[in-house]
Amino acid sequence: MRIAVSAKGADLDSPVDERFGRARGFMLVDGETWASEHIPNTRNLEAAQGAGIQAARLVAGKGAEVVVTGHVGPKAFRTLTAAGIKVVAGASGTVREAVEAFVSGKLRGAESADVESHW
């Protein structure tokens, strides 16, 4: 399973970025092998609007099946779920800790966005 985690850095020990659409980047992690890839999100950091939608398209294009993040807004949530990507909010700690928490069942899928637009 390919898990995209919003990240403040470019490795598994980077802190989880609490924001999805304006995250510094994403770590794409294979939940079984732990192979990982950093995906920069620089284009969306300063976007006036649409950052969540564009970030969702970015991770969908990389084959993510799950997104793990601190918080996700309504437009990003709709875009991710429309692409068939499971959304998990409420993550904290490092990317590694967030993936471990998801794989072990400590983090569960979100039913809706947990913040307003432009958070």
N, C-alpha and C. Protein backbone atom coordinates (compact mmCIF):
# COMPACT_ATOMS: atom_id res chain seq x y z
N MET A 1 0.84 -1.17 0.00
CA MET A 1 0.00 0.00 0.00
C MET A 1 0.89 1.25 0.00
N ARG A 2 0.59 2.18 -0.88
CA ARG A 2 1.37 3.42 -1.00
C ARG A 2 0.70 4.50 -0.15
N ILE A 3 1.44 4.98 0.85
CA ILE A 3 0.93 5.94 1.83
C ILE A 3 1.66 7.26 1.65
N ALA A 4 0.91 8.33 1.39
CA ALA A 4 1.50 9.67 1.27
C ALA A 4 1.29 10.40 2.60
N VAL A 5 2.39 10.84 3.19
CA VAL A 5 2.33 11.55 4.47
C VAL A 5 2.80 12.98 4.26
N SER A 6 2.00 13.94 4.69
CA SER A 6 2.44 15.34 4.59
C SER A 6 3.64 15.51 5.51
N ALA A 7 4.72 16.09 4.97
CA ALA A 7 5.98 16.12 5.72
C ALA A 7 6.67 17.47 5.63
N LYS A 8 7.35 17.83 6.72
CA LYS A 8 8.12 19.07 6.75
C LYS A 8 9.53 18.88 6.21
N GLY A 9 9.93 17.65 5.96
CA GLY A 9 11.26 17.36 5.45
C GLY A 9 11.22 16.25 4.41
N ALA A 10 12.40 15.74 4.08
CA ALA A 10 12.51 14.80 2.97
C ALA A 10 12.94 13.40 3.38
N ASP A 11 12.66 13.00 4.63
CA ASP A 11 12.98 11.63 5.03
C ASP A 11 11.97 11.13 6.06
N LEU A 12 12.08 9.87 6.42
CA LEU A 12 11.10 9.24 7.31
C LEU A 12 11.12 9.81 8.72
N ASP A 13 12.21 10.45 9.11
CA ASP A 13 12.29 11.02 10.45
C ASP A 13 11.89 12.50 10.49
N SER A 14 11.37 13.01 9.37
CA SER A 14 10.87 14.38 9.32
C SER A 14 9.54 14.47 10.07
N PRO A 15 9.26 15.62 10.65
CA PRO A 15 7.96 15.80 11.30
C PRO A 15 6.82 15.79 10.29
N VAL A 16 5.67 15.28 10.72
CA VAL A 16 4.46 15.36 9.91
C VAL A 16 4.08 16.83 9.79
N ASP A 17 3.76 17.27 8.59
CA ASP A 17 3.27 18.63 8.39
C ASP A 17 1.78 18.61 8.71
N GLU A 18 1.36 19.48 9.61
CA GLU A 18 -0.05 19.46 10.04
C GLU A 18 -1.01 19.90 8.95
N ARG A 19 -0.52 20.56 7.92
CA ARG A 19 -1.38 21.02 6.83
C ARG A 19 -1.17 20.13 5.61
N PHE A 20 -2.26 19.78 4.94
CA PHE A 20 -2.14 18.95 3.74
C PHE A 20 -1.81 19.79 2.50
N GLY A 21 -2.69 20.67 2.11
CA GLY A 21 -2.54 21.40 0.85
C GLY A 21 -1.30 22.26 0.79
N ARG A 22 -0.90 22.83 1.90
CA ARG A 22 0.27 23.69 1.95
C ARG A 22 1.44 23.04 2.69
N ALA A 23 1.43 21.72 2.71
CA ALA A 23 2.57 20.99 3.29
C ALA A 23 3.82 21.29 2.47
N ARG A 24 4.97 21.24 3.11
CA ARG A 24 6.23 21.45 2.38
C ARG A 24 6.46 20.37 1.34
N GLY A 25 5.96 19.18 1.65
CA GLY A 25 6.12 18.06 0.73
C GLY A 25 5.41 16.84 1.27
N PHE A 26 5.61 15.75 0.59
CA PHE A 26 5.00 14.48 0.99
C PHE A 26 6.04 13.39 0.91
N MET A 27 5.97 12.49 1.86
CA MET A 27 6.77 11.27 1.79
C MET A 27 5.83 10.17 1.34
N LEU A 28 6.15 9.56 0.21
CA LEU A 28 5.38 8.43 -0.30
C LEU A 28 6.08 7.17 0.20
N VAL A 29 5.39 6.41 1.04
CA VAL A 29 5.99 5.27 1.72
C VAL A 29 5.22 3.99 1.38
N ASP A 30 5.95 2.96 1.03
CA ASP A 30 5.35 1.64 0.84
C ASP A 30 5.16 1.05 2.23
N GLY A 31 3.91 0.77 2.59
CA GLY A 31 3.59 0.29 3.93
C GLY A 31 4.14 -1.08 4.26
N GLU A 32 4.60 -1.82 3.27
CA GLU A 32 5.16 -3.15 3.51
C GLU A 32 6.69 -3.14 3.49
N THR A 33 7.28 -2.51 2.49
CA THR A 33 8.74 -2.54 2.34
C THR A 33 9.43 -1.33 2.95
N TRP A 34 8.69 -0.29 3.23
CA TRP A 34 9.20 0.98 3.75
C TRP A 34 10.06 1.74 2.74
N ALA A 35 10.01 1.33 1.49
CA ALA A 35 10.67 2.13 0.44
C ALA A 35 9.97 3.49 0.42
N SER A 36 10.74 4.56 0.26
CA SER A 36 10.13 5.89 0.34
C SER A 36 10.67 6.82 -0.74
N GLU A 37 9.86 7.82 -1.03
CA GLU A 37 10.21 8.83 -2.03
C GLU A 37 9.68 10.17 -1.53
N HIS A 38 10.48 11.21 -1.65
CA HIS A 38 10.04 12.55 -1.29
C HIS A 38 9.41 13.23 -2.49
N ILE A 39 8.26 13.85 -2.27
CA ILE A 39 7.56 14.59 -3.33
C ILE A 39 7.45 16.04 -2.88
N PRO A 40 8.20 16.95 -3.46
CA PRO A 40 8.09 18.37 -3.08
C PRO A 40 6.73 18.94 -3.43
N ASN A 41 6.25 19.85 -2.61
CA ASN A 41 4.97 20.52 -2.84
C ASN A 41 5.17 22.02 -2.98
N THR A 42 6.33 22.43 -3.43
CA THR A 42 6.69 23.85 -3.48
C THR A 42 5.73 24.69 -4.31
N ARG A 43 5.20 24.12 -5.36
CA ARG A 43 4.29 24.87 -6.23
C ARG A 43 3.02 25.32 -5.49
N ASN A 44 2.59 24.56 -4.50
CA ASN A 44 1.33 24.85 -3.81
C ASN A 44 1.51 25.62 -2.51
N LEU A 45 2.74 25.79 -2.05
CA LEU A 45 2.96 26.47 -0.77
C LEU A 45 2.40 27.88 -0.73
N GLU A 46 2.57 28.62 -1.79
CA GLU A 46 2.14 30.02 -1.82
C GLU A 46 0.94 30.27 -2.72
N ALA A 47 0.25 29.24 -3.13
CA ALA A 47 -0.91 29.40 -4.00
C ALA A 47 -1.99 30.21 -3.31
N ALA A 48 -2.59 31.15 -4.04
CA ALA A 48 -3.65 31.98 -3.48
C ALA A 48 -4.87 31.13 -3.14
N GLN A 49 -5.17 30.17 -3.98
CA GLN A 49 -6.26 29.24 -3.73
C GLN A 49 -6.01 27.95 -4.50
N GLY A 50 -6.74 26.91 -4.11
CA GLY A 50 -6.61 25.64 -4.82
C GLY A 50 -5.45 24.77 -4.39
N ALA A 51 -4.74 25.15 -3.31
CA ALA A 51 -3.58 24.36 -2.89
C ALA A 51 -3.96 22.94 -2.52
N GLY A 52 -5.06 22.76 -1.83
CA GLY A 52 -5.48 21.41 -1.43
C GLY A 52 -5.84 20.54 -2.62
N ILE A 53 -6.53 21.13 -3.59
CA ILE A 53 -6.91 20.38 -4.78
C ILE A 53 -5.66 19.97 -5.56
N GLN A 54 -4.73 20.90 -5.74
CA GLN A 54 -3.51 20.60 -6.49
C GLN A 54 -2.63 19.59 -5.76
N ALA A 55 -2.55 19.70 -4.43
CA ALA A 55 -1.77 18.72 -3.66
C ALA A 55 -2.40 17.34 -3.77
N ALA A 56 -3.73 17.29 -3.76
CA ALA A 56 -4.43 16.00 -3.91
C ALA A 56 -4.13 15.39 -5.28
N ARG A 57 -4.14 16.21 -6.31
CA ARG A 57 -3.81 15.71 -7.65
C ARG A 57 -2.36 15.22 -7.71
N LEU A 58 -1.48 15.93 -7.02
CA LEU A 58 -0.06 15.55 -7.00
C LEU A 58 0.13 14.15 -6.42
N VAL A 59 -0.44 13.90 -5.24
CA VAL A 59 -0.25 12.59 -4.61
C VAL A 59 -1.01 11.50 -5.35
N ALA A 60 -2.16 11.85 -5.93
CA ALA A 60 -2.91 10.86 -6.73
C ALA A 60 -2.09 10.44 -7.94
N GLY A 61 -1.43 11.41 -8.57
CA GLY A 61 -0.60 11.13 -9.73
C GLY A 61 0.60 10.26 -9.41
N LYS A 62 1.00 10.23 -8.15
CA LYS A 62 2.13 9.40 -7.73
C LYS A 62 1.68 8.02 -7.24
N GLY A 63 0.37 7.76 -7.31
CA GLY A 63 -0.14 6.44 -6.96
C GLY A 63 -0.46 6.22 -5.50
N ALA A 64 -0.63 7.29 -4.73
CA ALA A 64 -0.98 7.14 -3.31
C ALA A 64 -2.35 6.47 -3.17
N GLU A 65 -2.45 5.58 -2.21
CA GLU A 65 -3.72 4.92 -1.91
C GLU A 65 -4.31 5.45 -0.61
N VAL A 66 -3.44 6.04 0.21
CA VAL A 66 -3.83 6.61 1.50
C VAL A 66 -3.05 7.90 1.69
N VAL A 67 -3.70 8.90 2.27
CA VAL A 67 -3.02 10.13 2.69
C VAL A 67 -3.12 10.22 4.20
N VAL A 68 -1.99 10.42 4.85
CA VAL A 68 -1.93 10.61 6.30
C VAL A 68 -1.41 12.02 6.54
N THR A 69 -2.16 12.81 7.31
CA THR A 69 -1.81 14.21 7.52
C THR A 69 -2.34 14.67 8.88
N GLY A 70 -1.97 15.89 9.23
CA GLY A 70 -2.50 16.47 10.46
C GLY A 70 -3.94 16.91 10.27
N HIS A 71 -4.17 17.72 9.24
CA HIS A 71 -5.51 18.25 8.96
C HIS A 71 -5.73 18.33 7.47
N VAL A 72 -6.99 18.24 7.05
CA VAL A 72 -7.33 18.32 5.63
C VAL A 72 -8.62 19.14 5.48
N GLY A 73 -8.60 20.03 4.49
CA GLY A 73 -9.76 20.87 4.22
C GLY A 73 -10.77 20.18 3.32
N PRO A 74 -11.94 20.82 3.13
CA PRO A 74 -13.03 20.18 2.39
C PRO A 74 -12.75 19.94 0.91
N LYS A 75 -12.09 20.87 0.23
CA LYS A 75 -11.83 20.67 -1.20
C LYS A 75 -10.81 19.56 -1.42
N ALA A 76 -9.78 19.54 -0.62
CA ALA A 76 -8.78 18.47 -0.73
C ALA A 76 -9.41 17.13 -0.38
N PHE A 77 -10.24 17.10 0.67
CA PHE A 77 -10.89 15.86 1.07
C PHE A 77 -11.74 15.31 -0.07
N ARG A 78 -12.55 16.17 -0.69
CA ARG A 78 -13.40 15.73 -1.80
C ARG A 78 -12.56 15.24 -2.98
N THR A 79 -11.49 15.94 -3.29
CA THR A 79 -10.64 15.55 -4.42
C THR A 79 -9.97 14.20 -4.15
N LEU A 80 -9.47 14.03 -2.94
CA LEU A 80 -8.81 12.77 -2.58
C LEU A 80 -9.79 11.59 -2.62
N THR A 81 -10.95 11.77 -2.00
CA THR A 81 -11.91 10.66 -1.97
C THR A 81 -12.45 10.36 -3.36
N ALA A 82 -12.62 11.38 -4.21
CA ALA A 82 -13.06 11.15 -5.59
C ALA A 82 -12.03 10.33 -6.36
N ALA A 83 -10.76 10.46 -5.98
CA ALA A 83 -9.69 9.69 -6.63
C ALA A 83 -9.53 8.30 -6.01
N GLY A 84 -10.37 7.99 -5.03
CA GLY A 84 -10.29 6.67 -4.38
C GLY A 84 -9.22 6.57 -3.32
N ILE A 85 -8.75 7.71 -2.83
CA ILE A 85 -7.69 7.74 -1.82
C ILE A 85 -8.31 7.89 -0.44
N LYS A 86 -7.93 7.01 0.46
CA LYS A 86 -8.39 7.07 1.85
C LYS A 86 -7.68 8.23 2.54
N VAL A 87 -8.40 9.00 3.34
CA VAL A 87 -7.84 10.15 4.04
C VAL A 87 -7.80 9.85 5.54
N VAL A 88 -6.62 10.07 6.12
CA VAL A 88 -6.42 9.89 7.56
C VAL A 88 -5.90 11.20 8.12
N ALA A 89 -6.66 11.83 9.00
CA ALA A 89 -6.24 13.08 9.64
C ALA A 89 -5.92 12.82 11.10
N GLY A 90 -5.27 13.78 11.73
CA GLY A 90 -4.93 13.65 13.15
C GLY A 90 -3.56 13.09 13.42
N ALA A 91 -2.73 12.97 12.39
CA ALA A 91 -1.38 12.42 12.56
C ALA A 91 -0.45 13.47 13.15
N SER A 92 0.53 13.00 13.89
CA SER A 92 1.56 13.88 14.46
C SER A 92 2.82 13.05 14.63
N GLY A 93 3.87 13.68 15.14
CA GLY A 93 5.14 12.99 15.30
C GLY A 93 5.92 12.99 14.00
N THR A 94 6.68 11.95 13.78
CA THR A 94 7.47 11.84 12.54
C THR A 94 6.66 11.08 11.49
N VAL A 95 7.14 11.15 10.27
CA VAL A 95 6.52 10.38 9.18
C VAL A 95 6.53 8.90 9.54
N ARG A 96 7.65 8.41 10.02
CA ARG A 96 7.78 7.00 10.40
C ARG A 96 6.72 6.62 11.45
N GLU A 97 6.58 7.46 12.48
CA GLU A 97 5.60 7.19 13.54
C GLU A 97 4.17 7.21 13.00
N ALA A 98 3.90 8.14 12.08
CA ALA A 98 2.56 8.23 11.51
C ALA A 98 2.23 6.99 10.67
N VAL A 99 3.18 6.52 9.88
CA VAL A 99 2.96 5.32 9.08
C VAL A 99 2.77 4.12 10.00
N GLU A 100 3.60 4.00 11.02
CA GLU A 100 3.46 2.90 11.98
C GLU A 100 2.09 2.93 12.65
N ALA A 101 1.63 4.12 13.03
CA ALA A 101 0.33 4.27 13.68
C ALA A 101 -0.80 3.86 12.73
N PHE A 102 -0.68 4.25 11.47
CA PHE A 102 -1.71 3.87 10.50
C PHE A 102 -1.71 2.36 10.26
N VAL A 103 -0.55 1.79 9.99
CA VAL A 103 -0.44 0.36 9.68
C VAL A 103 -0.94 -0.49 10.85
N SER A 104 -0.68 -0.03 12.09
CA SER A 104 -1.11 -0.80 13.27
C SER A 104 -2.57 -0.55 13.64
N GLY A 105 -3.25 0.34 12.92
CA GLY A 105 -4.66 0.60 13.19
C GLY A 105 -4.93 1.67 14.22
N LYS A 106 -3.90 2.38 14.67
CA LYS A 106 -4.10 3.44 15.66
C LYS A 106 -4.68 4.71 15.05
N LEU A 107 -4.46 4.89 13.74
CA LEU A 107 -5.05 6.01 13.02
C LEU A 107 -6.09 5.45 12.06
N ARG A 108 -7.25 6.05 12.03
CA ARG A 108 -8.33 5.57 11.18
C ARG A 108 -8.73 6.62 10.15
N GLY A 109 -9.39 6.17 9.12
CA GLY A 109 -9.84 7.05 8.06
C GLY A 109 -10.78 8.13 8.56
N ALA A 110 -10.70 9.29 7.93
CA ALA A 110 -11.58 10.42 8.26
C ALA A 110 -12.88 10.30 7.46
N GLU A 111 -13.96 10.74 8.04
CA GLU A 111 -15.26 10.74 7.38
C GLU A 111 -15.52 12.04 6.64
N SER A 112 -14.76 13.09 7.01
CA SER A 112 -14.94 14.40 6.38
C SER A 112 -13.71 15.25 6.68
N ALA A 113 -13.69 16.44 6.08
CA ALA A 113 -12.62 17.40 6.37
C ALA A 113 -12.68 17.78 7.85
N ASP A 114 -11.54 18.15 8.41
CA ASP A 114 -11.54 18.53 9.82
C ASP A 114 -11.18 20.00 10.05
N VAL A 115 -10.97 20.75 8.97
CA VAL A 115 -10.73 22.20 9.06
C VAL A 115 -11.46 22.89 7.90
N GLU A 116 -11.61 24.20 8.02
CA GLU A 116 -12.24 24.99 6.98
C GLU A 116 -11.26 25.20 5.81
N SER A 117 -11.77 25.68 4.70
CA SER A 117 -10.91 26.04 3.58
C SER A 117 -9.95 27.14 4.00
N HIS A 118 -8.79 27.19 3.35
CA HIS A 118 -7.76 28.23 3.59
C HIS A 118 -7.29 28.26 5.04
N TRP A 119 -7.19 27.11 5.68
CA TRP A 119 -6.73 27.04 7.06
C TRP A 119 -5.26 27.27 7.13
